[in-house]
Amino acid sequence: MLEKLDLTKKMEKEEYKEKMEHLEKNLGKLQRRCKELNIPVMIAFEGFGAAGKGLQIGKLIQSLDPRGFRVYAVKSETEEEKMHPFLWRFWTKLPEKGRIAIYDTSWYRRVLTDRFDKKIKKSELADAYESILSFEDQLTEDGMVIIKLFLAIDRKEQKKRFDRLLSSKDTAWRVTEDDLKRNEKFDKYLEMNEEMLARTDTEKAPWHIVEAVDRRFATVKIYSIVEEMLTRQIEKAELSLAEEGADAPEADAAETKELMESILGKADLSLSCSRKEYEKELKELQSRIQELHGELYRRRIPVVLGFEGWDAGGKGGAIKRLTAKMDPRGYVVHPTASPNAVERQYHYLWRFWKDMPKAGHITIFDRTWYGRVMVERIEGFCTKNEWRRAYREINDMERTLTREGVLVLKFWMQIDKDEQERRFRERQENPEKQWKITEEDWRNREKWDQYEAAVNEMLIRTSTVNAPWIVVEGNDKYYARLKVLRTVVVAIEERIKSGGKRA
C-alpha cells in the first residue's frame, strides 16, 4: 500500500490558493453544522516522523472556531496512564457532542511505536488490534465521526528533514534518538505501518493516506478528506432527523419465556444463615479482605466490582460490609445515577471508563453500565437498536479490561417481589430510612415482569468466563452479604495464586 504511493505529487501555489479559499470557508460552516446537530468528531493524525503532522494540524485548525475543538499531543504514557488499560487515556479524551478532538498521533501508538520499541509483547498485539477496532466501532455506532489520516513520506525525505531540524539548535530538540532509529530501520517500521493500515481500515473508520512530501498538496488533500467525511455524517444526521420517530422507544420484554426461567428462576431464595453464623464469618471474611487488599496493591492488580439488583435488593448493605476493613485510600465506590447533562454529551460508556481503577486499586460501581439494557431499555430512554448493540459493546469493554489484567466481578442481588414490598414498607415506616424509598421505586414494581425478562436476557448475553455474573440469593440479607464477600475473597485469592495474571 505505502510502497506503491506516488510521493512526487505536487501542487502549484496558485492552484493551492484557489482550492483553499473554498475549503477554508466550507470547513468553518461544517464545524458549525456539526455543533448544531450534536455530531462529535475525532481526527487522528498518524504517519512517519517529520511527515508534517504538527504543521498540518496547525493549518487545519486555522479554519476552525477555537471554542469548538481541542488538540491532544499523544506522547509516551505517563505513570498514571500506565496504571490503566491503554485505551483509558483515549476514552477520557473523547470530544463531547458537537465538538472536535484532534490527535497528534493516537491510540495507534500501541501497535506502532510501542511495538517497534518492544514495549508491547508480540502475544499482546492481537489483543491490542481487537481493542482498537472495538473502540472505533463503539464510537462510530454512537454517531462519532472518526477521520484517520496517515501522512506518508519516504526514507530519503525523512532523513533530509531530520538533518534540517538537527542543523539548528532551535529545532534539534524535535528529533529524538528513537526517530533516528526508526529512520535507520525504515523498512521494518514501514512493514509495521502497512500491517496496521491493513488490519484497521474499516468501512466506518477508514484510513486516508496523504502523500506528504509536498506540503501544499498534503494540506489540500487533508482539508478535502475532512470536508467529505463531515459532509457525509451531516447528511446522515439530517436524514435521521427527518425520519425521527420511525424507531420509537420500546418497552421490550425478553424474547422467550425460557429466558425468564433460565437464570433468576433458579435462584433458591430460601437460603439463609443465623445471626450468630453471620457475625462470626463476617468478621473472618472482612479480615481476609483487608489482607488481600494490601496484596492487590503490592501486586498492582486492579479490581472492578459491579452491583446490580432489584430496588431494596441489598446492594448498599453488601458494599458497606465489603469495604468495612479496606484501606479507604485504595478503593472508591461510585453510585451511578441517571446521566447528567455533561455525561449525556458522550458515549454512554464514557462515564464508566473514566472511573476505572488504576493498577492496585478497587472500584465498586453501585449500579453500572448495564443500565443501558435494563432501565434505559424498559423506560424507552434509548432506541431498540442502541440497547441491542449494547450487549456487544459491554462485552467488548469488559474483555478489554480483563485481558489487561483487571479482575471484573458482577453481582445481581436477587429478591422476590414479596420481599421487595416488605422492605419498601419497612423503609416507609422508619423515619431514618424513608430517604431510601421514592415514588419511582413503587412505579418500577408495576413493570416487574418486563424488568425480570430484561435481566435474564442481560445475564445470559453478558456473563463470560473472565467477567462473570454472580446471582446472589438475597431474601436473607445475612446470607447475601456473606456470599458477596466469599466470592470476592475466592476470586482475589485465585488471581493472586495465578501470579496476578488475567484468567
Protein backbone atom coordinates (compact mmCIF):
# COMPACT_ATOMS: atom_id res chain seq x y z
CA MET A 1 0.00 0.00 0.00
CA LEU A 2 2.56 2.59 1.10
CA GLU A 3 5.29 1.34 -1.22
CA LYS A 4 3.09 2.00 -4.26
CA LEU A 5 2.34 5.61 -3.35
CA ASP A 6 3.28 8.34 -5.78
CA LEU A 7 5.12 10.70 -3.45
CA THR A 8 6.07 13.05 -6.28
CA LYS A 9 2.62 14.65 -6.30
CA LYS A 10 2.82 18.46 -6.08
CA MET A 11 0.54 21.46 -6.22
CA GLU A 12 1.44 24.88 -7.54
CA LYS A 13 0.89 27.94 -5.39
CA GLU A 14 -1.94 29.43 -7.46
CA GLU A 15 -3.93 26.21 -7.55
CA TYR A 16 -3.37 25.79 -3.82
CA LYS A 17 -4.69 29.28 -3.03
CA GLU A 18 -7.73 28.79 -5.23
CA LYS A 19 -8.71 25.46 -3.67
CA MET A 20 -8.00 26.57 -0.10
CA GLU A 21 -10.20 29.64 -0.38
CA HIS A 22 -13.24 27.39 -0.81
CA LEU A 23 -12.11 24.65 1.59
CA GLU A 24 -11.34 27.00 4.49
CA LYS A 25 -14.74 28.72 4.30
CA ASN A 26 -16.60 25.44 3.99
CA LEU A 27 -14.81 23.79 6.89
CA GLY A 28 -15.96 26.53 9.25
CA LYS A 29 -19.55 26.05 8.08
CA LEU A 30 -19.31 22.30 8.54
CA GLN A 31 -17.97 22.73 12.07
CA ARG A 32 -20.93 24.94 12.97
CA ARG A 33 -23.40 22.46 11.46
CA CYS A 34 -21.81 19.59 13.41
CA LYS A 35 -22.30 21.62 16.58
CA GLU A 36 -25.97 22.23 15.73
CA LEU A 37 -26.52 18.51 15.09
CA ASN A 38 -24.50 17.39 18.15
CA ILE A 39 -22.06 15.42 15.98
CA PRO A 40 -18.75 14.63 17.76
CA VAL A 41 -15.60 14.37 15.62
CA MET A 42 -12.21 12.73 16.19
CA ILE A 43 -9.36 13.44 13.77
CA ALA A 44 -6.30 11.23 14.23
CA PHE A 45 -3.01 12.18 12.58
CA GLU A 46 -0.57 9.30 12.14
CA GLY A 47 2.40 8.83 9.84
CA PHE A 48 6.17 8.79 9.69
CA GLY A 49 8.32 11.08 11.80
CA ALA A 50 8.86 14.53 10.21
CA ALA A 51 5.95 13.94 7.81
CA GLY A 52 4.41 17.22 8.98
CA LYS A 53 1.68 16.17 11.39
CA GLY A 54 2.16 19.21 13.62
CA LEU A 55 2.30 21.59 10.67
CA GLN A 56 -0.84 20.14 9.09
CA ILE A 57 -2.75 20.24 12.37
CA GLY A 58 -1.79 23.90 12.63
CA LYS A 59 -3.09 24.52 9.10
CA LEU A 60 -6.34 22.67 9.78
CA ILE A 61 -7.29 24.47 12.98
CA GLN A 62 -6.87 27.89 11.36
CA SER A 63 -10.27 27.40 9.75
CA LEU A 64 -11.99 26.18 12.91
CA ASP A 65 -13.61 28.08 15.75
CA PRO A 66 -11.13 27.60 18.63
CA ARG A 67 -14.02 27.27 21.09
CA GLY A 68 -15.11 24.08 19.38
CA PHE A 69 -12.00 21.91 19.23
CA ARG A 70 -9.12 20.61 21.29
CA VAL A 71 -5.74 19.24 20.19
CA TYR A 72 -4.06 16.38 22.07
CA ALA A 73 -0.36 15.68 21.59
CA VAL A 74 -0.15 11.97 22.38
CA LYS A 75 3.28 11.07 23.72
CA SER A 76 4.58 8.18 25.79
CA GLU A 77 2.27 7.13 28.60
CA THR A 78 2.53 8.95 31.91
CA GLU A 79 2.96 6.90 35.09
CA GLU A 80 -0.75 7.40 35.79
CA GLU A 81 -1.71 6.21 32.31
CA LYS A 82 0.49 3.13 32.58
CA MET A 83 -1.61 2.03 35.55
CA HIS A 84 -4.78 1.84 33.42
CA PRO A 85 -5.73 -0.14 30.29
CA PHE A 86 -4.14 1.65 27.33
CA LEU A 87 -7.43 2.88 25.88
CA TRP A 88 -8.39 4.59 29.15
CA ARG A 89 -6.45 7.71 28.24
CA PHE A 90 -8.36 7.99 24.97
CA TRP A 91 -11.78 7.34 26.46
CA THR A 92 -11.01 10.20 28.84
CA LYS A 93 -10.09 12.45 25.88
CA LEU A 94 -13.21 11.95 23.80
CA PRO A 95 -14.92 15.05 22.41
CA GLU A 96 -18.40 15.78 23.65
CA LYS A 97 -21.24 16.00 21.15
CA GLY A 98 -20.79 18.88 18.74
CA ARG A 99 -17.05 19.28 19.39
CA ILE A 100 -13.86 18.16 17.61
CA ALA A 101 -10.83 16.42 19.12
CA ILE A 102 -7.60 16.31 17.09
CA TYR A 103 -4.85 13.85 18.00
CA ASP A 104 -1.18 14.31 17.08
CA THR A 105 -0.57 10.55 17.00
CA SER A 106 -3.25 8.46 18.64
CA TRP A 107 -4.31 5.09 20.06
CA TYR A 108 -2.25 3.57 17.23
CA ARG A 109 0.95 4.20 19.20
CA ARG A 110 0.25 0.85 20.83
CA VAL A 111 0.74 -1.10 17.59
CA LEU A 112 3.37 1.20 16.05
CA THR A 113 5.99 2.98 18.17
CA ASP A 114 5.32 0.83 21.24
CA ARG A 115 5.63 -2.27 19.09
CA PHE A 116 8.80 -1.03 17.38
CA ASP A 117 10.33 -0.13 20.76
CA LYS A 118 9.29 -3.56 22.11
CA LYS A 119 7.13 -2.04 24.85
CA ILE A 120 4.36 -4.41 23.85
CA LYS A 121 4.81 -8.17 23.69
CA LYS A 122 4.14 -9.99 20.45
CA SER A 123 1.47 -12.03 22.24
CA GLU A 124 -0.37 -8.78 23.18
CA LEU A 125 -0.51 -7.43 19.64
CA ALA A 126 -3.67 -9.26 18.54
CA ASP A 127 -5.49 -8.10 21.68
CA ALA A 128 -4.40 -4.52 21.03
CA TYR A 129 -5.76 -4.61 17.50
CA GLU A 130 -9.05 -6.12 18.69
CA SER A 131 -9.39 -3.43 21.38
CA ILE A 132 -8.74 -0.65 18.85
CA LEU A 133 -11.30 -1.99 16.39
CA SER A 134 -13.86 -2.37 19.16
CA PHE A 135 -13.14 1.17 20.41
CA GLU A 136 -13.72 2.68 16.99
CA ASP A 137 -16.78 0.54 16.29
CA GLN A 138 -18.48 1.53 19.56
CA LEU A 139 -17.87 5.23 18.95
CA THR A 140 -18.93 5.30 15.29
CA GLU A 141 -22.09 3.30 16.08
CA ASP A 142 -22.94 6.06 18.54
CA GLY A 143 -22.56 8.80 15.90
CA MET A 144 -18.87 9.73 16.25
CA VAL A 145 -17.03 10.73 13.08
CA ILE A 146 -13.54 9.22 13.13
CA ILE A 147 -11.19 10.61 10.49
CA LYS A 148 -7.86 8.79 10.33
CA LEU A 149 -5.09 10.47 8.35
CA PHE A 150 -1.76 8.80 7.58
CA LEU A 151 0.95 11.19 6.37
CA ALA A 152 3.46 9.35 4.19
CA ILE A 153 7.00 10.29 3.15
CA ASP A 154 9.90 8.05 2.09
CA ARG A 155 13.09 7.29 3.97
CA LYS A 156 15.19 9.73 1.96
CA GLU A 157 12.80 12.63 2.53
CA GLN A 158 12.56 11.82 6.21
CA LYS A 159 16.35 11.82 6.61
CA LYS A 160 16.58 15.16 4.80
CA ARG A 161 14.01 16.70 7.14
CA PHE A 162 15.70 15.28 10.24
CA ASP A 163 19.05 16.74 9.09
CA ARG A 164 17.45 20.12 8.55
CA LEU A 165 15.92 20.11 12.03
CA LEU A 166 19.17 18.94 13.63
CA SER A 167 21.15 21.71 11.95
CA SER A 168 19.58 24.35 14.20
CA LYS A 169 19.67 24.37 17.99
CA ASP A 170 16.16 25.85 17.93
CA THR A 171 14.69 22.77 16.24
CA ALA A 172 17.14 19.96 17.09
CA TRP A 173 15.09 19.02 20.16
CA ARG A 174 12.30 17.87 17.88
CA VAL A 175 14.36 14.91 16.64
CA THR A 176 14.82 12.11 19.16
CA GLU A 177 17.10 9.10 19.23
CA ASP A 178 14.01 6.95 18.64
CA ASP A 179 13.20 8.98 15.49
CA LEU A 180 16.68 8.32 14.11
CA LYS A 181 16.46 4.66 14.99
CA ARG A 182 13.19 4.31 13.07
CA ASN A 183 14.81 6.02 10.08
CA GLU A 184 17.73 3.58 10.20
CA LYS A 185 15.26 0.67 10.24
CA PHE A 186 12.75 2.37 7.97
CA ASP A 187 11.78 -0.79 6.09
CA LYS A 188 10.96 -2.63 9.31
CA TYR A 189 8.85 0.27 10.60
CA LEU A 190 7.21 0.61 7.17
CA GLU A 191 6.14 -3.02 7.38
CA MET A 192 4.54 -2.44 10.79
CA ASN A 193 2.63 0.54 9.42
CA GLU A 194 1.49 -1.46 6.38
CA GLU A 195 0.12 -4.14 8.70
CA MET A 196 -1.61 -1.57 10.90
CA LEU A 197 -3.31 0.10 7.93
CA ALA A 198 -4.49 -3.22 6.51
CA ARG A 199 -5.85 -4.52 9.83
CA THR A 200 -7.69 -1.36 10.89
CA ASP A 201 -9.05 0.06 7.63
CA THR A 202 -12.79 -0.34 8.17
CA GLU A 203 -15.92 0.96 6.48
CA LYS A 204 -16.90 3.07 9.49
CA ALA A 205 -13.39 4.37 10.24
CA PRO A 206 -11.33 4.13 7.05
CA TRP A 207 -7.71 5.21 6.66
CA HIS A 208 -6.87 8.10 4.36
CA ILE A 209 -3.31 8.10 3.02
CA VAL A 210 -1.86 11.56 2.45
CA GLU A 211 1.18 11.96 0.20
CA ALA A 212 3.05 14.46 2.39
CA VAL A 213 6.29 15.30 0.54
CA ASP A 214 4.70 18.40 -0.98
CA ARG A 215 3.08 20.31 1.85
CA ARG A 216 0.60 22.26 -0.25
CA PHE A 217 -0.68 19.06 -1.85
CA ALA A 218 -0.97 17.43 1.60
CA THR A 219 -2.88 20.37 3.09
CA VAL A 220 -5.44 20.42 0.30
CA LYS A 221 -5.92 16.67 0.48
CA ILE A 222 -6.41 16.74 4.27
CA TYR A 223 -8.96 19.56 4.03
CA SER A 224 -10.78 17.71 1.24
CA ILE A 225 -10.94 14.49 3.26
CA VAL A 226 -12.24 16.25 6.37
CA GLU A 227 -14.80 18.13 4.26
CA GLU A 228 -16.04 14.92 2.65
CA MET A 229 -16.28 12.97 5.92
CA LEU A 230 -18.10 15.74 7.79
CA THR A 231 -20.50 16.35 4.90
CA ARG A 232 -21.34 12.66 4.76
CA GLN A 233 -22.09 12.49 8.50
CA ILE A 234 -24.13 15.71 8.43
CA GLU A 235 -26.28 14.36 5.60
CA LYS A 236 -26.77 11.14 7.53
CA ALA A 237 -27.76 13.04 10.68
CA GLU A 238 -30.18 15.28 8.77
CA LEU A 239 -31.82 12.25 7.19
CA SER A 240 -32.13 10.65 10.61
CA LEU A 241 -33.81 13.79 11.97
CA ALA A 242 -36.29 13.72 9.11
CA GLU A 243 -37.16 10.12 9.92
CA GLU A 244 -37.28 10.65 13.69
CA GLY A 245 -39.99 8.65 15.33
CA ALA A 246 -39.72 5.71 12.94
CA ASP A 247 -37.81 3.79 15.60
CA ALA A 248 -39.88 4.68 18.64
CA PRO A 249 -38.52 3.60 22.03
CA GLU A 250 -39.89 0.26 23.07
CA ALA A 251 -40.53 -1.26 26.46
CA ASP A 252 -39.48 -4.61 25.05
CA ALA A 253 -39.65 -7.83 27.03
CA ALA A 254 -37.22 -10.70 26.62
CA GLU A 255 -37.73 -12.82 23.57
CA THR A 256 -38.88 -16.10 25.12
CA LYS A 257 -40.40 -17.47 28.31
CA GLU A 258 -37.41 -19.81 28.58
CA LEU A 259 -35.07 -16.86 29.14
CA MET A 260 -37.09 -15.78 32.17
CA GLU A 261 -36.82 -19.18 33.80
CA SER A 262 -33.21 -19.88 32.93
CA ILE A 263 -31.35 -17.70 35.46
CA LEU A 264 -33.40 -15.83 38.05
CA GLY A 265 -35.94 -18.64 38.28
CA LYS A 266 -33.20 -20.98 39.52
CA ALA A 267 -32.18 -18.79 42.46
CA ASP A 268 -33.02 -20.51 45.77
CA LEU A 269 -34.32 -17.60 47.81
CA SER A 270 -34.89 -19.78 50.86
CA LEU A 271 -31.15 -19.84 51.58
CA SER A 272 -30.31 -18.21 54.89
CA CYS A 273 -27.99 -18.22 57.87
CA SER A 274 -28.34 -17.36 61.55
CA ARG A 275 -27.17 -14.06 63.02
CA LYS A 276 -24.55 -15.91 65.07
CA GLU A 277 -23.11 -17.64 61.98
CA TYR A 278 -23.25 -14.37 60.08
CA GLU A 279 -21.35 -12.32 62.65
CA LYS A 280 -18.64 -14.96 63.04
CA GLU A 281 -17.99 -15.47 59.32
CA LEU A 282 -18.38 -11.77 58.50
CA LYS A 283 -15.54 -10.90 60.86
CA GLU A 284 -13.29 -13.57 59.32
CA LEU A 285 -14.08 -12.54 55.73
CA GLN A 286 -13.55 -8.84 56.42
CA SER A 287 -10.17 -9.56 57.98
CA ARG A 288 -9.20 -11.64 54.97
CA ILE A 289 -10.33 -8.89 52.57
CA GLN A 290 -8.19 -6.42 54.50
CA GLU A 291 -5.14 -8.64 53.94
CA LEU A 292 -5.95 -9.23 50.28
CA HIS A 293 -6.47 -5.54 49.64
CA GLY A 294 -2.88 -4.88 50.62
CA GLU A 295 -1.71 -7.75 48.45
CA LEU A 296 -3.62 -6.37 45.46
CA TYR A 297 -1.83 -3.06 45.87
CA ARG A 298 1.59 -4.67 46.15
CA ARG A 299 0.97 -6.78 43.04
CA ARG A 300 -0.67 -3.89 41.18
CA ILE A 301 -3.84 -5.84 40.37
CA PRO A 302 -6.86 -3.60 39.56
CA VAL A 303 -10.35 -4.78 40.54
CA VAL A 304 -13.80 -3.77 39.28
CA LEU A 305 -16.87 -4.88 41.23
CA GLY A 306 -20.27 -4.09 39.73
CA PHE A 307 -23.51 -4.31 41.73
CA GLU A 308 -26.94 -4.50 40.14
CA GLY A 309 -30.20 -5.80 41.54
CA TRP A 310 -33.78 -5.02 42.41
CA ASP A 311 -34.56 -1.85 44.32
CA ALA A 312 -34.06 -2.70 48.02
CA GLY A 313 -32.16 -5.80 46.91
CA GLY A 314 -29.28 -5.20 49.34
CA LYS A 315 -26.61 -3.61 47.18
CA GLY A 316 -25.76 -0.90 49.68
CA GLY A 317 -25.61 -3.28 52.63
CA ALA A 318 -23.30 -5.67 50.79
CA ILE A 319 -20.99 -2.85 49.67
CA LYS A 320 -20.85 -1.44 53.20
CA ARG A 321 -19.75 -4.81 54.67
CA LEU A 322 -17.36 -5.43 51.80
CA THR A 323 -15.47 -2.18 52.32
CA ALA A 324 -15.59 -2.06 56.13
CA LYS A 325 -11.95 -3.08 56.62
CA MET A 326 -10.50 -1.87 53.29
CA ASP A 327 -7.93 0.92 53.23
CA PRO A 328 -10.00 3.95 52.09
CA ARG A 329 -7.04 5.20 50.02
CA GLY A 330 -7.23 2.12 47.84
CA TYR A 331 -10.88 1.91 46.81
CA VAL A 332 -13.73 4.11 45.64
CA VAL A 333 -17.46 3.49 45.43
CA HIS A 334 -19.32 5.11 42.52
CA PRO A 335 -23.10 5.37 42.98
CA THR A 336 -24.46 5.51 39.43
CA ALA A 337 -27.46 7.75 38.86
CA SER A 338 -29.12 8.83 35.62
CA PRO A 339 -26.56 10.51 33.34
CA ASN A 340 -26.31 14.25 33.92
CA ALA A 341 -26.23 16.93 31.22
CA VAL A 342 -22.46 16.62 30.73
CA GLU A 343 -22.48 12.81 30.63
CA ARG A 344 -25.23 12.77 28.01
CA GLN A 345 -22.85 14.58 25.65
CA TYR A 346 -20.66 11.45 25.40
CA HIS A 347 -20.92 7.77 24.55
CA TYR A 348 -22.79 6.08 27.41
CA LEU A 349 -19.68 4.07 28.41
CA TRP A 350 -17.51 7.21 28.75
CA ARG A 351 -18.54 7.95 32.32
CA PHE A 352 -17.62 4.43 33.40
CA TRP A 353 -14.32 4.29 31.51
CA LYS A 354 -13.09 7.49 33.17
CA ASP A 355 -13.71 5.97 36.61
CA MET A 356 -11.97 2.64 36.00
CA PRO A 357 -9.36 1.85 38.67
CA LYS A 358 -5.65 2.16 38.22
CA ALA A 359 -3.39 -0.79 38.98
CA GLY A 360 -3.65 -1.97 42.60
CA HIS A 361 -6.93 -0.17 43.32
CA ILE A 362 -10.56 -1.29 43.62
CA THR A 363 -13.53 0.46 42.03
CA ILE A 364 -17.02 -0.53 43.13
CA PHE A 365 -19.96 0.56 40.98
CA ASP A 366 -23.32 0.74 42.76
CA ARG A 367 -25.30 0.27 39.54
CA THR A 368 -23.35 0.10 36.33
CA TRP A 369 -23.18 0.35 32.55
CA TYR A 370 -25.91 -2.30 32.47
CA GLY A 371 -28.49 0.44 32.87
CA ARG A 372 -28.46 0.65 29.06
CA VAL A 373 -30.03 -2.83 28.75
CA MET A 374 -32.33 -2.52 31.75
CA VAL A 375 -33.83 0.82 32.83
CA GLU A 376 -32.95 2.66 29.59
CA ARG A 377 -34.38 -0.21 27.58
CA ILE A 378 -37.60 -0.61 29.59
CA GLU A 379 -38.28 3.08 30.11
CA GLY A 380 -37.57 3.98 26.47
CA PHE A 381 -34.53 6.18 27.16
CA CYS A 382 -32.69 4.61 24.21
CA THR A 383 -33.72 3.04 20.93
CA LYS A 384 -34.10 -0.66 20.31
CA ASN A 385 -31.01 -0.60 18.10
CA GLU A 386 -28.98 1.10 20.85
CA TRP A 387 -29.78 -1.39 23.61
CA ARG A 388 -29.44 -4.38 21.30
CA ARG A 389 -25.91 -3.42 20.26
CA ALA A 390 -25.03 -2.60 23.88
CA TYR A 391 -24.59 -6.31 24.69
CA ARG A 392 -21.68 -6.49 22.25
CA GLU A 393 -20.26 -3.13 23.35
CA ILE A 394 -20.33 -4.10 27.01
CA ASN A 395 -18.76 -7.49 26.36
CA ASP A 396 -16.03 -5.78 24.33
CA MET A 397 -15.32 -3.29 27.11
CA GLU A 398 -15.11 -5.97 29.77
CA ARG A 399 -12.91 -8.14 27.55
CA THR A 400 -10.57 -5.18 27.05
CA LEU A 401 -10.37 -4.70 30.82
CA THR A 402 -9.83 -8.34 31.74
CA ARG A 403 -7.16 -9.09 29.17
CA GLU A 404 -5.17 -6.16 30.55
CA GLY A 405 -5.27 -7.68 34.00
CA VAL A 406 -8.39 -6.19 35.59
CA LEU A 407 -10.37 -8.56 37.82
CA VAL A 408 -14.06 -7.99 36.99
CA LEU A 409 -16.94 -9.40 39.06
CA LYS A 410 -20.60 -8.51 38.58
CA PHE A 411 -23.25 -9.18 41.25
CA TRP A 412 -27.00 -9.37 40.71
CA MET A 413 -28.79 -9.04 44.07
CA GLN A 414 -31.90 -11.18 43.68
CA ILE A 415 -35.02 -10.94 45.88
CA ASP A 416 -38.63 -11.82 45.14
CA LYS A 417 -41.48 -9.37 44.72
CA ASP A 418 -42.98 -10.03 48.16
CA GLU A 419 -39.65 -9.42 49.90
CA GLN A 420 -39.19 -6.18 48.00
CA GLU A 421 -42.62 -4.96 49.11
CA ARG A 422 -41.85 -5.86 52.72
CA ARG A 423 -38.60 -3.88 52.58
CA PHE A 424 -40.31 -0.92 50.89
CA ARG A 425 -42.92 -0.74 53.66
CA GLU A 426 -40.27 -1.09 56.34
CA ARG A 427 -38.43 1.88 54.86
CA GLN A 428 -41.60 3.97 54.69
CA GLU A 429 -42.37 3.32 58.34
CA ASN A 430 -38.84 4.04 59.59
CA PRO A 431 -38.05 7.80 59.67
CA GLU A 432 -34.31 7.03 59.39
CA LYS A 433 -34.82 5.03 56.20
CA GLN A 434 -37.56 7.00 54.45
CA TRP A 435 -34.97 8.70 52.24
CA LYS A 436 -34.28 5.33 50.65
CA ILE A 437 -37.77 4.96 49.15
CA THR A 438 -39.27 7.07 46.33
CA GLU A 439 -42.41 7.10 44.22
CA GLU A 440 -40.27 5.88 41.33
CA ASP A 441 -39.43 2.72 43.31
CA TRP A 442 -43.12 1.91 43.60
CA ARG A 443 -43.74 2.68 39.92
CA ASN A 444 -40.94 0.34 38.86
CA ARG A 445 -42.70 -2.55 40.65
CA GLU A 446 -45.51 -2.28 38.12
CA LYS A 447 -43.02 -3.31 35.42
CA TRP A 448 -41.51 -6.18 37.41
CA ASP A 449 -42.13 -8.78 34.69
CA GLN A 450 -40.57 -6.62 31.99
CA TYR A 451 -37.51 -5.94 34.13
CA GLU A 452 -37.20 -9.61 35.07
CA ALA A 453 -37.22 -10.62 31.40
CA ALA A 454 -34.64 -7.95 30.53
CA VAL A 455 -32.38 -9.00 33.42
CA ASN A 456 -32.46 -12.64 32.37
CA GLU A 457 -31.50 -11.72 28.84
CA MET A 458 -28.72 -9.48 30.16
CA LEU A 459 -27.33 -12.25 32.38
CA ILE A 460 -27.31 -14.75 29.52
CA ARG A 461 -25.74 -12.42 26.96
CA THR A 462 -23.07 -10.83 29.15
CA SER A 463 -21.87 -13.42 31.65
CA THR A 464 -18.45 -14.54 30.46
CA VAL A 465 -15.65 -16.67 31.88
CA ASN A 466 -13.48 -13.63 32.66
CA ALA A 467 -16.29 -11.26 33.69
CA PRO A 468 -18.98 -13.48 35.22
CA TRP A 469 -22.33 -12.59 36.71
CA ILE A 470 -22.89 -13.87 40.23
CA VAL A 471 -26.56 -14.14 41.18
CA VAL A 472 -26.84 -13.54 44.93
CA GLU A 473 -29.84 -15.07 46.66
CA GLY A 474 -30.85 -12.05 48.70
CA ASN A 475 -34.11 -12.63 50.59
CA ASP A 476 -31.93 -13.23 53.65
CA LYS A 477 -29.57 -10.26 53.97
CA TYR A 478 -27.06 -12.16 56.09
CA TYR A 479 -26.71 -14.94 53.54
CA ALA A 480 -26.43 -12.44 50.67
CA ARG A 481 -23.70 -10.36 52.27
CA LEU A 482 -21.62 -13.40 53.13
CA LYS A 483 -21.95 -14.78 49.59
CA VAL A 484 -20.69 -11.50 48.13
CA LEU A 485 -17.70 -11.37 50.48
CA ARG A 486 -16.85 -15.06 49.95
CA THR A 487 -16.99 -14.64 46.18
CA VAL A 488 -14.67 -11.63 46.26
CA VAL A 489 -12.20 -13.38 48.56
CA VAL A 490 -12.04 -16.51 46.40
CA ALA A 491 -11.68 -14.53 43.16
CA ILE A 492 -8.84 -12.38 44.53
CA GLU A 493 -7.06 -15.41 46.01
CA GLU A 494 -7.24 -17.21 42.68
CA ARG A 495 -5.90 -14.17 40.83
CA ILE A 496 -3.01 -13.83 43.27
CA LYS A 497 -2.32 -17.56 43.03
CA SER A 498 -2.05 -17.26 39.26
CA GLY A 499 0.70 -14.67 39.73
CA GLY A 500 -1.59 -11.70 39.17
CA LYS A 501 -2.16 -12.65 35.54
CA ARG A 502 -5.51 -12.39 33.87
CA ALA A 503 -7.57 -15.55 33.60
